Amino acid sequence: MIVVQRYADHMAAEFDRAVLEANGIQALIVTDDAGGMLPLPRLGVIRLMVQDADVERAVAALALEPDDPSGAEISSKDG
């Protein structure tokens, strides 16, 4: 799995996941917020991940650039 975007806002992550799913790309949202016990928004706590083979299509569907100043990050880390 590849991280295609990081978020501080869960709703934004869900919206982008829905965009990917509508484009036929399976996506997974992974959070590091202790199951909601850490409510403080921290950049990068929420990650949107896709299968390695879907990275290019996901980036295109979300109109992301690998060096996008909005914080888009293409990463091969799975955790």
N, C-alpha and C. Protein backbone atom coordinates (compact mmCIF):
# COMPACT_ATOMS: atom_id res chain seq x y z
N MET A 1 0.85 -1.18 0.00
CA MET A 1 0.00 0.00 0.00
C MET A 1 0.89 1.24 0.00
N ILE A 2 0.41 2.26 -0.69
CA ILE A 2 1.14 3.52 -0.83
C ILE A 2 0.29 4.66 -0.28
N VAL A 3 0.91 5.55 0.49
CA VAL A 3 0.24 6.75 0.97
C VAL A 3 0.20 7.76 -0.17
N VAL A 4 -1.00 8.21 -0.55
CA VAL A 4 -1.11 9.21 -1.61
C VAL A 4 -1.44 10.59 -1.08
N GLN A 5 -1.90 10.66 0.18
CA GLN A 5 -2.23 11.97 0.77
C GLN A 5 -2.29 11.81 2.27
N ARG A 6 -1.96 12.88 2.98
CA ARG A 6 -2.06 12.93 4.44
C ARG A 6 -3.01 14.07 4.81
N TYR A 7 -3.72 13.90 5.91
CA TYR A 7 -4.75 14.86 6.32
C TYR A 7 -4.71 15.09 7.83
N ALA A 8 -5.21 16.23 8.24
CA ALA A 8 -5.50 16.50 9.64
C ALA A 8 -7.00 16.40 9.87
N ASP A 9 -7.78 16.45 8.78
CA ASP A 9 -9.24 16.46 8.84
C ASP A 9 -9.80 15.15 8.29
N HIS A 10 -10.53 14.41 9.15
CA HIS A 10 -11.07 13.12 8.74
C HIS A 10 -12.09 13.24 7.61
N MET A 11 -12.88 14.30 7.62
CA MET A 11 -13.90 14.47 6.57
C MET A 11 -13.25 14.67 5.20
N ALA A 12 -12.16 15.39 5.13
CA ALA A 12 -11.46 15.59 3.86
C ALA A 12 -10.92 14.26 3.35
N ALA A 13 -10.41 13.44 4.26
CA ALA A 13 -9.91 12.12 3.88
C ALA A 13 -11.04 11.25 3.35
N GLU A 14 -12.19 11.28 4.00
CA GLU A 14 -13.35 10.50 3.55
C GLU A 14 -13.83 10.97 2.19
N PHE A 15 -13.81 12.28 1.97
CA PHE A 15 -14.24 12.81 0.67
C PHE A 15 -13.33 12.29 -0.43
N ASP A 16 -12.01 12.39 -0.22
CA ASP A 16 -11.08 11.93 -1.24
C ASP A 16 -11.17 10.41 -1.43
N ARG A 17 -11.41 9.67 -0.36
CA ARG A 17 -11.60 8.22 -0.49
C ARG A 17 -12.80 7.94 -1.39
N ALA A 18 -13.87 8.71 -1.20
CA ALA A 18 -15.07 8.53 -2.03
C ALA A 18 -14.78 8.86 -3.49
N VAL A 19 -13.97 9.88 -3.74
CA VAL A 19 -13.58 10.22 -5.11
C VAL A 19 -12.83 9.05 -5.75
N LEU A 20 -11.91 8.47 -5.00
CA LEU A 20 -11.15 7.34 -5.52
C LEU A 20 -12.06 6.15 -5.78
N GLU A 21 -12.93 5.83 -4.83
CA GLU A 21 -13.85 4.70 -5.00
C GLU A 21 -14.75 4.91 -6.21
N ALA A 22 -15.19 6.16 -6.46
CA ALA A 22 -16.03 6.46 -7.61
C ALA A 22 -15.28 6.26 -8.91
N ASN A 23 -13.96 6.33 -8.85
CA ASN A 23 -13.11 6.10 -10.02
C ASN A 23 -12.60 4.67 -10.09
N GLY A 24 -13.19 3.79 -9.29
CA GLY A 24 -12.83 2.38 -9.33
C GLY A 24 -11.52 2.03 -8.66
N ILE A 25 -11.07 2.89 -7.75
CA ILE A 25 -9.80 2.67 -7.05
C ILE A 25 -10.11 2.37 -5.59
N GLN A 26 -9.73 1.19 -5.14
CA GLN A 26 -9.93 0.86 -3.73
C GLN A 26 -8.97 1.69 -2.89
N ALA A 27 -9.48 2.28 -1.83
CA ALA A 27 -8.66 3.13 -0.97
C ALA A 27 -8.93 2.80 0.49
N LEU A 28 -7.93 3.04 1.31
CA LEU A 28 -8.00 2.74 2.72
C LEU A 28 -7.57 3.98 3.50
N ILE A 29 -8.33 4.31 4.54
CA ILE A 29 -7.95 5.41 5.42
C ILE A 29 -7.35 4.80 6.68
N VAL A 30 -6.13 5.26 7.01
CA VAL A 30 -5.43 4.78 8.19
C VAL A 30 -5.20 5.97 9.10
N THR A 31 -5.56 5.83 10.38
CA THR A 31 -5.39 6.93 11.33
C THR A 31 -4.45 6.53 12.46
N ASP A 32 -3.78 7.52 13.00
CA ASP A 32 -2.90 7.34 14.15
C ASP A 32 -3.39 8.24 15.28
N ASP A 33 -4.68 8.17 15.57
CA ASP A 33 -5.25 9.06 16.59
C ASP A 33 -5.74 8.29 17.81
N ALA A 34 -5.19 7.11 18.04
CA ALA A 34 -5.54 6.28 19.19
C ALA A 34 -7.05 6.05 19.26
N GLY A 35 -7.63 5.72 18.12
CA GLY A 35 -9.07 5.44 18.08
C GLY A 35 -9.93 6.63 18.43
N GLY A 36 -9.45 7.83 18.13
CA GLY A 36 -10.20 9.04 18.43
C GLY A 36 -9.90 9.63 19.80
N MET A 37 -9.02 8.98 20.54
CA MET A 37 -8.68 9.46 21.89
C MET A 37 -7.75 10.67 21.85
N LEU A 38 -7.11 10.90 20.72
CA LEU A 38 -6.24 12.06 20.55
C LEU A 38 -6.92 13.03 19.59
N PRO A 39 -7.80 13.87 20.08
CA PRO A 39 -8.60 14.72 19.21
C PRO A 39 -7.86 15.91 18.62
N LEU A 40 -6.66 16.19 19.09
CA LEU A 40 -5.94 17.34 18.56
C LEU A 40 -5.56 17.11 17.11
N PRO A 41 -5.93 18.02 16.22
CA PRO A 41 -5.57 17.84 14.81
C PRO A 41 -4.06 17.98 14.63
N ARG A 42 -3.47 16.95 14.04
CA ARG A 42 -2.04 16.96 13.74
C ARG A 42 -1.89 16.59 12.28
N LEU A 43 -1.15 17.38 11.56
CA LEU A 43 -0.96 17.13 10.14
C LEU A 43 -0.35 15.75 9.93
N GLY A 44 -0.95 14.99 9.07
CA GLY A 44 -0.41 13.69 8.74
C GLY A 44 -0.91 12.54 9.58
N VAL A 45 -1.80 12.81 10.51
CA VAL A 45 -2.31 11.75 11.37
C VAL A 45 -3.19 10.79 10.57
N ILE A 46 -3.88 11.30 9.57
CA ILE A 46 -4.78 10.49 8.75
C ILE A 46 -4.14 10.31 7.38
N ARG A 47 -4.02 9.04 6.96
CA ARG A 47 -3.38 8.74 5.67
C ARG A 47 -4.37 8.05 4.75
N LEU A 48 -4.36 8.45 3.49
CA LEU A 48 -5.16 7.81 2.45
C LEU A 48 -4.22 6.94 1.64
N MET A 49 -4.52 5.64 1.59
CA MET A 49 -3.61 4.69 0.95
C MET A 49 -4.32 3.93 -0.16
N VAL A 50 -3.55 3.57 -1.18
CA VAL A 50 -4.06 2.77 -2.30
C VAL A 50 -3.04 1.67 -2.60
N GLN A 51 -3.47 0.70 -3.41
CA GLN A 51 -2.57 -0.35 -3.84
C GLN A 51 -1.48 0.25 -4.72
N ASP A 52 -0.31 -0.37 -4.70
CA ASP A 52 0.82 0.12 -5.49
C ASP A 52 0.45 0.34 -6.96
N ALA A 53 -0.29 -0.57 -7.52
CA ALA A 53 -0.65 -0.50 -8.94
C ALA A 53 -1.61 0.65 -9.25
N ASP A 54 -2.26 1.21 -8.24
CA ASP A 54 -3.26 2.27 -8.45
C ASP A 54 -2.74 3.68 -8.16
N VAL A 55 -1.47 3.82 -7.81
CA VAL A 55 -0.95 5.13 -7.40
C VAL A 55 -1.14 6.18 -8.48
N GLU A 56 -0.73 5.89 -9.70
CA GLU A 56 -0.83 6.90 -10.77
C GLU A 56 -2.27 7.31 -11.01
N ARG A 57 -3.17 6.34 -11.05
CA ARG A 57 -4.59 6.67 -11.25
C ARG A 57 -5.14 7.47 -10.08
N ALA A 58 -4.73 7.14 -8.86
CA ALA A 58 -5.21 7.87 -7.68
C ALA A 58 -4.73 9.31 -7.69
N VAL A 59 -3.46 9.50 -8.02
CA VAL A 59 -2.91 10.86 -8.09
C VAL A 59 -3.66 11.67 -9.14
N ALA A 60 -3.94 11.05 -10.28
CA ALA A 60 -4.68 11.75 -11.34
C ALA A 60 -6.11 12.05 -10.90
N ALA A 61 -6.77 11.10 -10.25
CA ALA A 61 -8.16 11.30 -9.82
C ALA A 61 -8.26 12.41 -8.79
N LEU A 62 -7.24 12.55 -7.95
CA LEU A 62 -7.25 13.59 -6.93
C LEU A 62 -6.56 14.86 -7.40
N ALA A 63 -6.04 14.83 -8.65
CA ALA A 63 -5.33 15.97 -9.24
C ALA A 63 -4.18 16.42 -8.35
N LEU A 64 -3.39 15.44 -7.87
CA LEU A 64 -2.25 15.73 -7.01
C LEU A 64 -0.96 15.71 -7.82
N GLU A 65 0.00 16.45 -7.36
CA GLU A 65 1.35 16.40 -7.89
C GLU A 65 2.23 15.91 -6.76
N PRO A 66 3.25 15.10 -7.05
CA PRO A 66 4.11 14.60 -5.98
C PRO A 66 4.76 15.70 -5.14
N ASP A 67 4.98 16.88 -5.72
CA ASP A 67 5.57 17.97 -4.95
C ASP A 67 4.55 19.08 -4.69
N ASP A 68 3.28 18.72 -4.63
CA ASP A 68 2.18 19.66 -4.40
C ASP A 68 2.38 20.37 -3.06
N PRO A 69 2.41 21.71 -3.04
CA PRO A 69 2.62 22.43 -1.78
C PRO A 69 1.46 22.28 -0.80
N SER A 70 0.34 21.71 -1.23
CA SER A 70 -0.77 21.52 -0.31
C SER A 70 -0.51 20.40 0.70
N GLY A 71 0.59 19.68 0.52
CA GLY A 71 0.93 18.65 1.48
C GLY A 71 0.80 17.25 0.96
N ALA A 72 0.50 17.10 -0.33
CA ALA A 72 0.40 15.76 -0.90
C ALA A 72 1.72 15.05 -0.76
N GLU A 73 1.66 13.80 -0.41
CA GLU A 73 2.88 13.04 -0.25
C GLU A 73 2.70 11.67 -0.85
N ILE A 74 3.54 11.30 -1.74
CA ILE A 74 3.53 9.96 -2.31
C ILE A 74 4.62 9.20 -1.55
N SER A 75 4.23 8.19 -0.84
CA SER A 75 5.17 7.46 0.00
C SER A 75 4.95 5.98 -0.11
N SER A 76 6.01 5.21 -0.11
CA SER A 76 5.87 3.77 -0.18
C SER A 76 5.78 3.14 1.19
N LYS A 77 5.79 3.95 2.22
CA LYS A 77 5.67 3.41 3.57
C LYS A 77 4.25 2.92 3.79
N ASP A 78 4.11 1.81 4.44
CA ASP A 78 2.77 1.25 4.67
C ASP A 78 2.36 1.40 6.12
N GLY A 79 2.92 2.27 6.84
CA GLY A 79 2.52 2.40 8.22
C GLY A 79 3.14 3.49 8.88
